[in-house]
Amino acid sequence: MNRIDVGALGKVAVLMGGDSAEREVSLMSGSGVLAALRSQGVDAHAFDPSERELTALRHDGFARCFIALHGRHGEDGTVQGALELLGLPYTGSGVMASAISMDKVMTKRVWLAEGLPTPRYVALPRSAQGRERVVQVPDELGLPLIVKPPHEGSSIGVTKVKGYSQMQDAVALAARYDAEVLCEEFIEGDELTCPVLGEGETAQALPVIKIVAPEGAYDYQNKYFTDVTQYLVPSGLPETLEREIQRLVVQAYRALGCRGWGRADLMLRASDQKPFLLEMNTSPGMTSHSLVPMSAKAAGMSYEQLCLHLIAHAALDAPPAPAAPTAGQEP
């Protein structure tokens, strides 16, 4: 890793908290990032967009931002767009990639168009959430199946449906968080995750992590607040299969136009060891239980080094436009 001139980074805002359903996780992520950057000598400060206007970033002299926000208004392209207008480089993907990746239905459409494997699905807009339509979904996707809000993360609003009688309640739960509901084929097998760092042709996958949750319930509680879930890195997968998954994840990352960093979640089908892409996280968790730091550590990069690397590569979608010529100047 190249040596980073900490002084050249300027004053750094760690954006955390926010107003999404994942606020609690974001505060944990942001606190970890803030401590890590300060330990490396970075002039870093906490900034909660739910408590202060983003325009205060310019007023307070910030030079760049580490986005530790999760969910809506954090990784859906909205805060990225605001930072573009303010001209403040930020970590992670730009406006378009963030917006597409945050929408699991749009993500699937892009991946399917690129010929990438993802579970079969049915999207239910608000007008199609009546009982008559809902009970048809298991006939199309089989049972069990997964019902989730397509714009949330951290397993919020997700139900594993095992019978027809559960469908209406599962859809109602997901609809509390989102106007549209995503019903997805359940892939029986191992749950995997694989982070990516970089952009375009330089994007590289970090080691794959195999997730072993109690009774397969890798839910909100087991993600952040218990120590019963096992994370295997090295994953224990055959080397050729690990490399194939990493290649697939980088392809999925590039297809969405991601940059900076991201983390793909996958299922490895038990019957034939075929990987299926579930989603791309463009602002992954950075808590004590989070997966990107775990994978980076296995690759020889500490949590502090990871945070420093990410903020050093903060960027804008496009460089600021040159000033318009003044009167009398040639254009």
Protein backbone atom coordinates (compact mmCIF):
# COMPACT_ATOMS: atom_id res chain seq x y z
CA MET A 1 0.00 0.00 0.00
CA ASN A 2 1.37 3.41 -0.94
CA ARG A 3 2.16 5.79 1.89
CA ILE A 4 -0.61 8.35 2.35
CA ASP A 5 0.14 12.01 3.13
CA VAL A 6 -2.36 12.51 5.97
CA GLY A 7 -1.87 16.27 6.02
CA ALA A 8 -2.92 16.55 2.37
CA LEU A 9 -6.33 15.06 3.16
CA GLY A 10 -7.46 18.24 4.91
CA LYS A 11 -10.40 18.38 7.31
CA VAL A 12 -12.52 15.23 7.03
CA ALA A 13 -16.21 14.82 7.88
CA VAL A 14 -17.37 11.34 8.88
CA LEU A 15 -21.05 11.33 7.89
CA MET A 16 -22.95 9.10 10.31
CA GLY A 17 -26.39 8.66 11.81
CA GLY A 18 -28.85 10.04 9.31
CA ASP A 19 -32.57 9.38 9.31
CA SER A 20 -32.86 5.87 7.81
CA ALA A 21 -33.99 2.66 9.49
CA GLU A 22 -30.27 1.81 9.76
CA ARG A 23 -29.37 4.87 11.85
CA GLU A 24 -28.22 2.78 14.83
CA VAL A 25 -25.83 0.73 12.70
CA SER A 26 -24.55 3.89 10.98
CA LEU A 27 -23.66 5.47 14.32
CA MET A 28 -21.66 2.35 15.21
CA SER A 29 -19.90 2.36 11.83
CA GLY A 30 -19.15 6.07 11.99
CA SER A 31 -17.76 5.92 15.51
CA GLY A 32 -15.33 3.18 14.46
CA VAL A 33 -14.23 5.07 11.35
CA LEU A 34 -13.81 8.33 13.27
CA ALA A 35 -11.58 6.70 15.90
CA ALA A 36 -9.55 4.92 13.22
CA LEU A 37 -8.91 8.06 11.16
CA ARG A 38 -7.97 10.10 14.23
CA SER A 39 -5.56 7.36 15.30
CA GLN A 40 -3.78 7.85 11.97
CA GLY A 41 -3.47 11.61 12.47
CA VAL A 42 -6.40 12.63 10.25
CA ASP A 43 -8.26 15.81 11.22
CA ALA A 44 -11.61 13.96 11.31
CA HIS A 45 -14.92 15.07 12.83
CA ALA A 46 -18.38 13.49 13.22
CA PHE A 47 -21.20 15.00 11.17
CA ASP A 48 -24.83 13.84 11.41
CA PRO A 49 -26.91 15.01 8.41
CA SER A 50 -30.12 14.52 10.39
CA GLU A 51 -28.96 17.21 12.82
CA ARG A 52 -27.16 19.67 10.52
CA GLU A 53 -27.62 20.92 6.96
CA LEU A 54 -25.06 19.50 4.52
CA THR A 55 -24.20 23.05 3.41
CA ALA A 56 -22.49 23.43 6.81
CA LEU A 57 -19.74 21.14 5.45
CA ARG A 58 -18.51 23.95 3.20
CA HIS A 59 -19.03 26.60 5.86
CA ASP A 60 -16.97 24.57 8.36
CA GLY A 61 -14.08 24.05 5.93
CA PHE A 62 -14.32 20.32 5.30
CA ALA A 63 -12.25 19.06 2.35
CA ARG A 64 -13.69 15.56 1.93
CA CYS A 65 -16.23 13.17 3.44
CA PHE A 66 -16.22 9.58 4.62
CA ILE A 67 -19.77 8.29 4.11
CA ALA A 68 -20.61 5.97 7.00
CA LEU A 69 -24.35 6.38 6.41
CA HIS A 70 -26.45 3.30 5.60
CA GLY A 71 -29.83 3.01 3.92
CA ARG A 72 -31.96 5.82 2.56
CA HIS A 73 -30.36 9.24 2.18
CA GLY A 74 -26.99 7.60 2.83
CA GLU A 75 -26.24 5.12 0.08
CA ASP A 76 -29.06 5.77 -2.40
CA GLY A 77 -27.38 8.56 -4.37
CA THR A 78 -29.06 11.48 -2.58
CA VAL A 79 -26.22 12.49 -0.26
CA GLN A 80 -23.77 11.71 -3.06
CA GLY A 81 -25.63 14.17 -5.30
CA ALA A 82 -25.53 16.85 -2.60
CA LEU A 83 -21.79 16.38 -2.16
CA GLU A 84 -21.33 16.60 -5.94
CA LEU A 85 -23.07 20.00 -5.87
CA LEU A 86 -20.90 21.09 -2.95
CA GLY A 87 -17.76 19.89 -4.75
CA LEU A 88 -16.68 17.75 -1.79
CA PRO A 89 -15.02 14.41 -2.67
CA TYR A 90 -16.56 11.44 -0.86
CA THR A 91 -15.92 7.75 -0.31
CA GLY A 92 -17.71 5.05 -2.28
CA SER A 93 -19.79 4.99 -5.42
CA GLY A 94 -21.20 7.97 -7.27
CA VAL A 95 -24.80 9.07 -7.75
CA MET A 96 -25.97 6.61 -10.40
CA ALA A 97 -24.24 3.49 -9.04
CA SER A 98 -25.43 4.28 -5.52
CA ALA A 99 -29.04 4.77 -6.65
CA ILE A 100 -29.15 1.58 -8.71
CA SER A 101 -27.40 -0.57 -6.09
CA MET A 102 -29.74 0.64 -3.37
CA ASP A 103 -32.71 -0.64 -5.39
CA LYS A 104 -32.47 -4.44 -5.38
CA VAL A 105 -34.96 -4.75 -8.25
CA MET A 106 -33.00 -2.37 -10.51
CA THR A 107 -29.78 -4.13 -9.50
CA LYS A 108 -31.24 -7.45 -10.62
CA ARG A 109 -32.34 -5.95 -13.93
CA VAL A 110 -28.81 -4.71 -14.63
CA TRP A 111 -27.21 -8.00 -13.64
CA LEU A 112 -29.66 -10.07 -15.70
CA ALA A 113 -29.03 -7.80 -18.70
CA GLU A 114 -25.31 -8.51 -18.24
CA GLY A 115 -25.92 -12.27 -18.01
CA LEU A 116 -24.97 -12.45 -14.32
CA PRO A 117 -26.65 -15.02 -12.04
CA THR A 118 -29.19 -13.76 -9.50
CA PRO A 119 -32.22 -15.55 -7.97
CA ARG A 120 -35.54 -15.41 -9.84
CA TYR A 121 -37.88 -12.76 -8.49
CA VAL A 122 -41.30 -11.12 -8.54
CA ALA A 123 -41.66 -7.39 -7.82
CA LEU A 124 -44.96 -6.31 -6.29
CA PRO A 125 -45.82 -2.61 -6.62
CA ARG A 126 -48.38 -1.22 -4.18
CA SER A 127 -51.20 -1.96 -6.65
CA ALA A 128 -50.29 -5.67 -6.76
CA GLN A 129 -50.14 -6.41 -3.03
CA GLY A 130 -53.69 -7.69 -2.66
CA ARG A 131 -54.28 -11.25 -1.44
CA GLU A 132 -55.29 -12.59 -4.87
CA ARG A 133 -51.90 -11.62 -6.42
CA VAL A 134 -49.78 -12.34 -3.38
CA VAL A 135 -50.87 -15.98 -3.03
CA GLN A 136 -49.81 -16.62 -6.65
CA VAL A 137 -46.16 -15.79 -5.95
CA PRO A 138 -45.19 -19.14 -4.35
CA ASP A 139 -46.52 -20.90 -7.47
CA GLU A 140 -44.07 -18.84 -9.54
CA LEU A 141 -41.00 -18.97 -7.29
CA GLY A 142 -41.55 -22.10 -5.19
CA LEU A 143 -41.29 -22.43 -1.42
CA PRO A 144 -39.55 -21.39 0.70
CA LEU A 145 -39.01 -17.89 -0.68
CA ILE A 146 -37.72 -14.55 0.60
CA VAL A 147 -39.83 -11.38 0.89
CA LYS A 148 -38.02 -8.07 1.45
CA PRO A 149 -38.23 -4.31 0.93
CA PRO A 150 -35.95 -3.58 -2.05
CA HIS A 151 -34.56 -0.29 -0.67
CA GLU A 152 -33.56 -1.40 2.84
CA GLY A 153 -30.50 -3.21 4.18
CA SER A 154 -29.31 -4.95 7.35
CA SER A 155 -32.06 -7.60 6.91
CA ILE A 156 -34.71 -5.05 7.93
CA GLY A 157 -38.25 -6.11 6.93
CA VAL A 158 -37.09 -9.48 5.56
CA THR A 159 -39.11 -12.71 5.96
CA LYS A 160 -38.32 -16.27 4.91
CA VAL A 161 -41.73 -17.59 3.83
CA LYS A 162 -42.27 -21.33 4.21
CA GLY A 163 -45.99 -21.56 3.44
CA TYR A 164 -48.79 -19.79 1.57
CA SER A 165 -50.37 -18.63 4.84
CA GLN A 166 -47.29 -16.50 5.67
CA MET A 167 -47.25 -14.55 2.41
CA GLN A 168 -49.67 -11.76 3.25
CA ASP A 169 -48.00 -10.93 6.58
CA ALA A 170 -44.54 -11.03 4.97
CA VAL A 171 -45.63 -8.64 2.21
CA ALA A 172 -47.30 -6.34 4.76
CA LEU A 173 -44.09 -6.23 6.83
CA ALA A 174 -41.92 -5.36 3.81
CA ALA A 175 -44.49 -2.78 2.67
CA ARG A 176 -44.02 -0.92 5.97
CA TYR A 177 -40.56 0.04 4.71
CA ASP A 178 -41.10 0.31 0.96
CA ALA A 179 -43.85 0.99 -1.56
CA GLU A 180 -42.63 -1.92 -3.69
CA VAL A 181 -42.01 -5.42 -2.31
CA LEU A 182 -39.45 -7.88 -3.67
CA CYS A 183 -40.20 -11.61 -3.58
CA GLU A 184 -37.18 -13.73 -4.35
CA GLU A 185 -36.46 -17.39 -5.01
CA PHE A 186 -34.76 -18.99 -2.00
CA ILE A 187 -31.37 -20.49 -2.80
CA GLU A 188 -30.54 -23.35 -0.46
CA GLY A 189 -26.85 -23.30 0.40
CA ASP A 190 -24.03 -21.30 1.97
CA GLU A 191 -24.23 -17.54 2.45
CA LEU A 192 -21.15 -15.68 1.23
CA THR A 193 -19.96 -12.11 1.01
CA CYS A 194 -17.07 -10.58 -0.93
CA PRO A 195 -15.79 -6.99 -0.76
CA VAL A 196 -14.24 -5.04 -3.65
CA LEU A 197 -11.84 -2.10 -3.59
CA GLY A 198 -11.01 0.21 -6.49
CA GLU A 199 -12.60 1.31 -9.73
CA GLY A 200 -12.97 0.02 -13.29
CA GLU A 201 -10.12 -2.16 -14.48
CA THR A 202 -8.23 -1.67 -11.21
CA ALA A 203 -11.10 -3.02 -9.05
CA GLN A 204 -10.00 -6.01 -7.00
CA ALA A 205 -11.92 -8.46 -4.85
CA LEU A 206 -10.84 -9.14 -1.27
CA PRO A 207 -11.08 -12.63 0.28
CA VAL A 208 -14.51 -14.30 0.30
CA ILE A 209 -16.20 -14.75 3.71
CA LYS A 210 -18.48 -17.69 4.44
CA ILE A 211 -21.24 -16.84 6.95
CA VAL A 212 -22.51 -19.56 9.28
CA ALA A 213 -25.49 -18.21 11.27
CA PRO A 214 -27.48 -20.17 13.89
CA GLU A 215 -30.19 -22.10 12.04
CA GLY A 216 -29.33 -20.04 8.95
CA ALA A 217 -30.86 -16.91 10.53
CA TYR A 218 -28.42 -14.17 9.52
CA ASP A 219 -30.83 -11.46 10.66
CA TYR A 220 -30.44 -7.95 12.13
CA GLN A 221 -29.80 -9.28 15.65
CA ASN A 222 -27.22 -11.85 14.58
CA LYS A 223 -25.51 -9.36 12.26
CA TYR A 224 -24.80 -6.72 14.87
CA PHE A 225 -25.59 -7.72 18.41
CA THR A 226 -24.59 -11.36 19.02
CA ASP A 227 -21.41 -13.37 18.74
CA VAL A 228 -23.00 -16.67 17.72
CA THR A 229 -22.62 -16.16 13.95
CA GLN A 230 -19.38 -17.60 12.53
CA TYR A 231 -17.44 -15.84 9.80
CA LEU A 232 -15.00 -18.06 7.97
CA VAL A 233 -12.13 -16.27 6.26
CA PRO A 234 -10.38 -18.01 4.63
CA SER A 235 -13.74 -19.32 3.46
CA GLY A 236 -12.65 -22.94 3.14
CA LEU A 237 -13.97 -23.04 -0.44
CA PRO A 238 -11.84 -24.70 -3.14
CA GLU A 239 -9.36 -22.17 -4.51
CA THR A 240 -10.79 -22.35 -8.04
CA LEU A 241 -14.32 -21.68 -6.73
CA GLU A 242 -13.15 -18.75 -4.57
CA ARG A 243 -11.44 -17.19 -7.59
CA GLU A 244 -14.57 -17.70 -9.70
CA ILE A 245 -16.71 -15.97 -7.05
CA GLN A 246 -14.24 -13.07 -6.84
CA ARG A 247 -14.28 -12.73 -10.63
CA LEU A 248 -18.10 -12.73 -10.63
CA VAL A 249 -18.28 -10.11 -7.88
CA VAL A 250 -15.88 -7.75 -9.65
CA GLN A 251 -17.96 -8.16 -12.84
CA ALA A 252 -21.14 -7.34 -10.88
CA TYR A 253 -19.45 -4.30 -9.27
CA ARG A 254 -18.31 -2.95 -12.63
CA ALA A 255 -21.71 -3.60 -14.26
CA LEU A 256 -23.31 -1.26 -11.70
CA GLY A 257 -20.61 1.39 -12.19
CA CYS A 258 -19.38 1.17 -8.59
CA ARG A 259 -16.17 2.77 -7.38
CA GLY A 260 -14.18 3.18 -4.18
CA TRP A 261 -15.46 0.12 -2.38
CA GLY A 262 -18.44 -2.17 -2.09
CA ARG A 263 -19.50 -5.60 -0.86
CA ALA A 264 -21.52 -8.19 -2.74
CA ASP A 265 -23.70 -10.71 -0.89
CA LEU A 266 -24.22 -14.08 -2.53
CA MET A 267 -25.68 -17.55 -2.03
CA LEU A 268 -23.78 -20.67 -3.10
CA ARG A 269 -26.34 -23.27 -4.16
CA ALA A 270 -25.67 -26.54 -2.35
CA SER A 271 -26.88 -28.77 -5.17
CA ASP A 272 -24.32 -27.64 -7.76
CA GLN A 273 -22.06 -25.02 -6.07
CA LYS A 274 -23.34 -22.28 -8.37
CA PRO A 275 -23.08 -18.74 -6.93
CA PHE A 276 -26.04 -16.34 -7.12
CA LEU A 277 -25.69 -12.59 -6.55
CA LEU A 278 -28.15 -11.12 -4.03
CA GLU A 279 -27.17 -7.46 -3.69
CA MET A 280 -24.37 -4.91 -3.80
CA ASN A 281 -23.72 -2.73 -0.74
CA THR A 282 -22.09 0.57 -1.71
CA SER A 283 -21.70 1.85 1.87
CA PRO A 284 -20.93 -1.33 3.80
CA GLY A 285 -20.95 -1.56 7.57
CA MET A 286 -17.79 -0.69 9.50
CA THR A 287 -18.87 -1.92 12.97
CA SER A 288 -16.99 -4.41 15.16
CA HIS A 289 -19.04 -7.19 13.51
CA SER A 290 -18.68 -5.90 9.95
CA LEU A 291 -17.45 -7.96 7.06
CA VAL A 292 -15.30 -5.65 4.91
CA PRO A 293 -12.80 -4.99 7.74
CA MET A 294 -12.73 -8.74 8.43
CA SER A 295 -11.93 -9.57 4.80
CA ALA A 296 -9.38 -6.74 4.55
CA LYS A 297 -7.61 -8.05 7.65
CA ALA A 298 -7.32 -11.47 6.02
CA ALA A 299 -5.68 -9.69 3.06
CA GLY A 300 -3.19 -7.98 5.39
CA MET A 301 -4.92 -4.59 5.76
CA SER A 302 -5.85 -3.36 9.24
CA TYR A 303 -9.10 -1.52 10.02
CA GLU A 304 -7.13 1.74 10.35
CA GLN A 305 -5.32 1.19 7.04
CA LEU A 306 -8.64 0.41 5.33
CA CYS A 307 -10.25 3.62 6.58
CA LEU A 308 -7.22 5.66 5.54
CA HIS A 309 -7.16 4.02 2.10
CA LEU A 310 -10.85 4.76 1.52
CA ILE A 311 -10.70 8.43 2.54
CA ALA A 312 -7.53 8.96 0.51
CA HIS A 313 -9.42 7.72 -2.57
CA ALA A 314 -12.48 9.92 -1.99
CA ALA A 315 -13.63 11.32 -5.32
CA LEU A 316 -16.35 13.09 -7.28
CA ASP A 317 -18.24 11.67 -10.26
CA ALA A 318 -16.75 14.44 -12.38
CA PRO A 319 -14.13 17.10 -11.64
CA PRO A 320 -15.47 20.62 -11.11
CA ALA A 321 -16.17 22.37 -14.43
CA PRO A 322 -13.71 25.11 -15.41
CA ALA A 323 -14.88 28.65 -14.82
CA ALA A 324 -16.71 30.28 -17.72
CA PRO A 325 -14.59 32.85 -19.60
CA THR A 326 -15.12 36.45 -18.56
CA ALA A 327 -16.07 39.19 -20.99
CA GLY A 328 -13.34 39.82 -23.54
CA GLN A 329 -11.76 36.36 -23.14
CA GLU A 330 -11.68 33.75 -25.85
CA PRO A 331 -13.85 30.72 -24.97
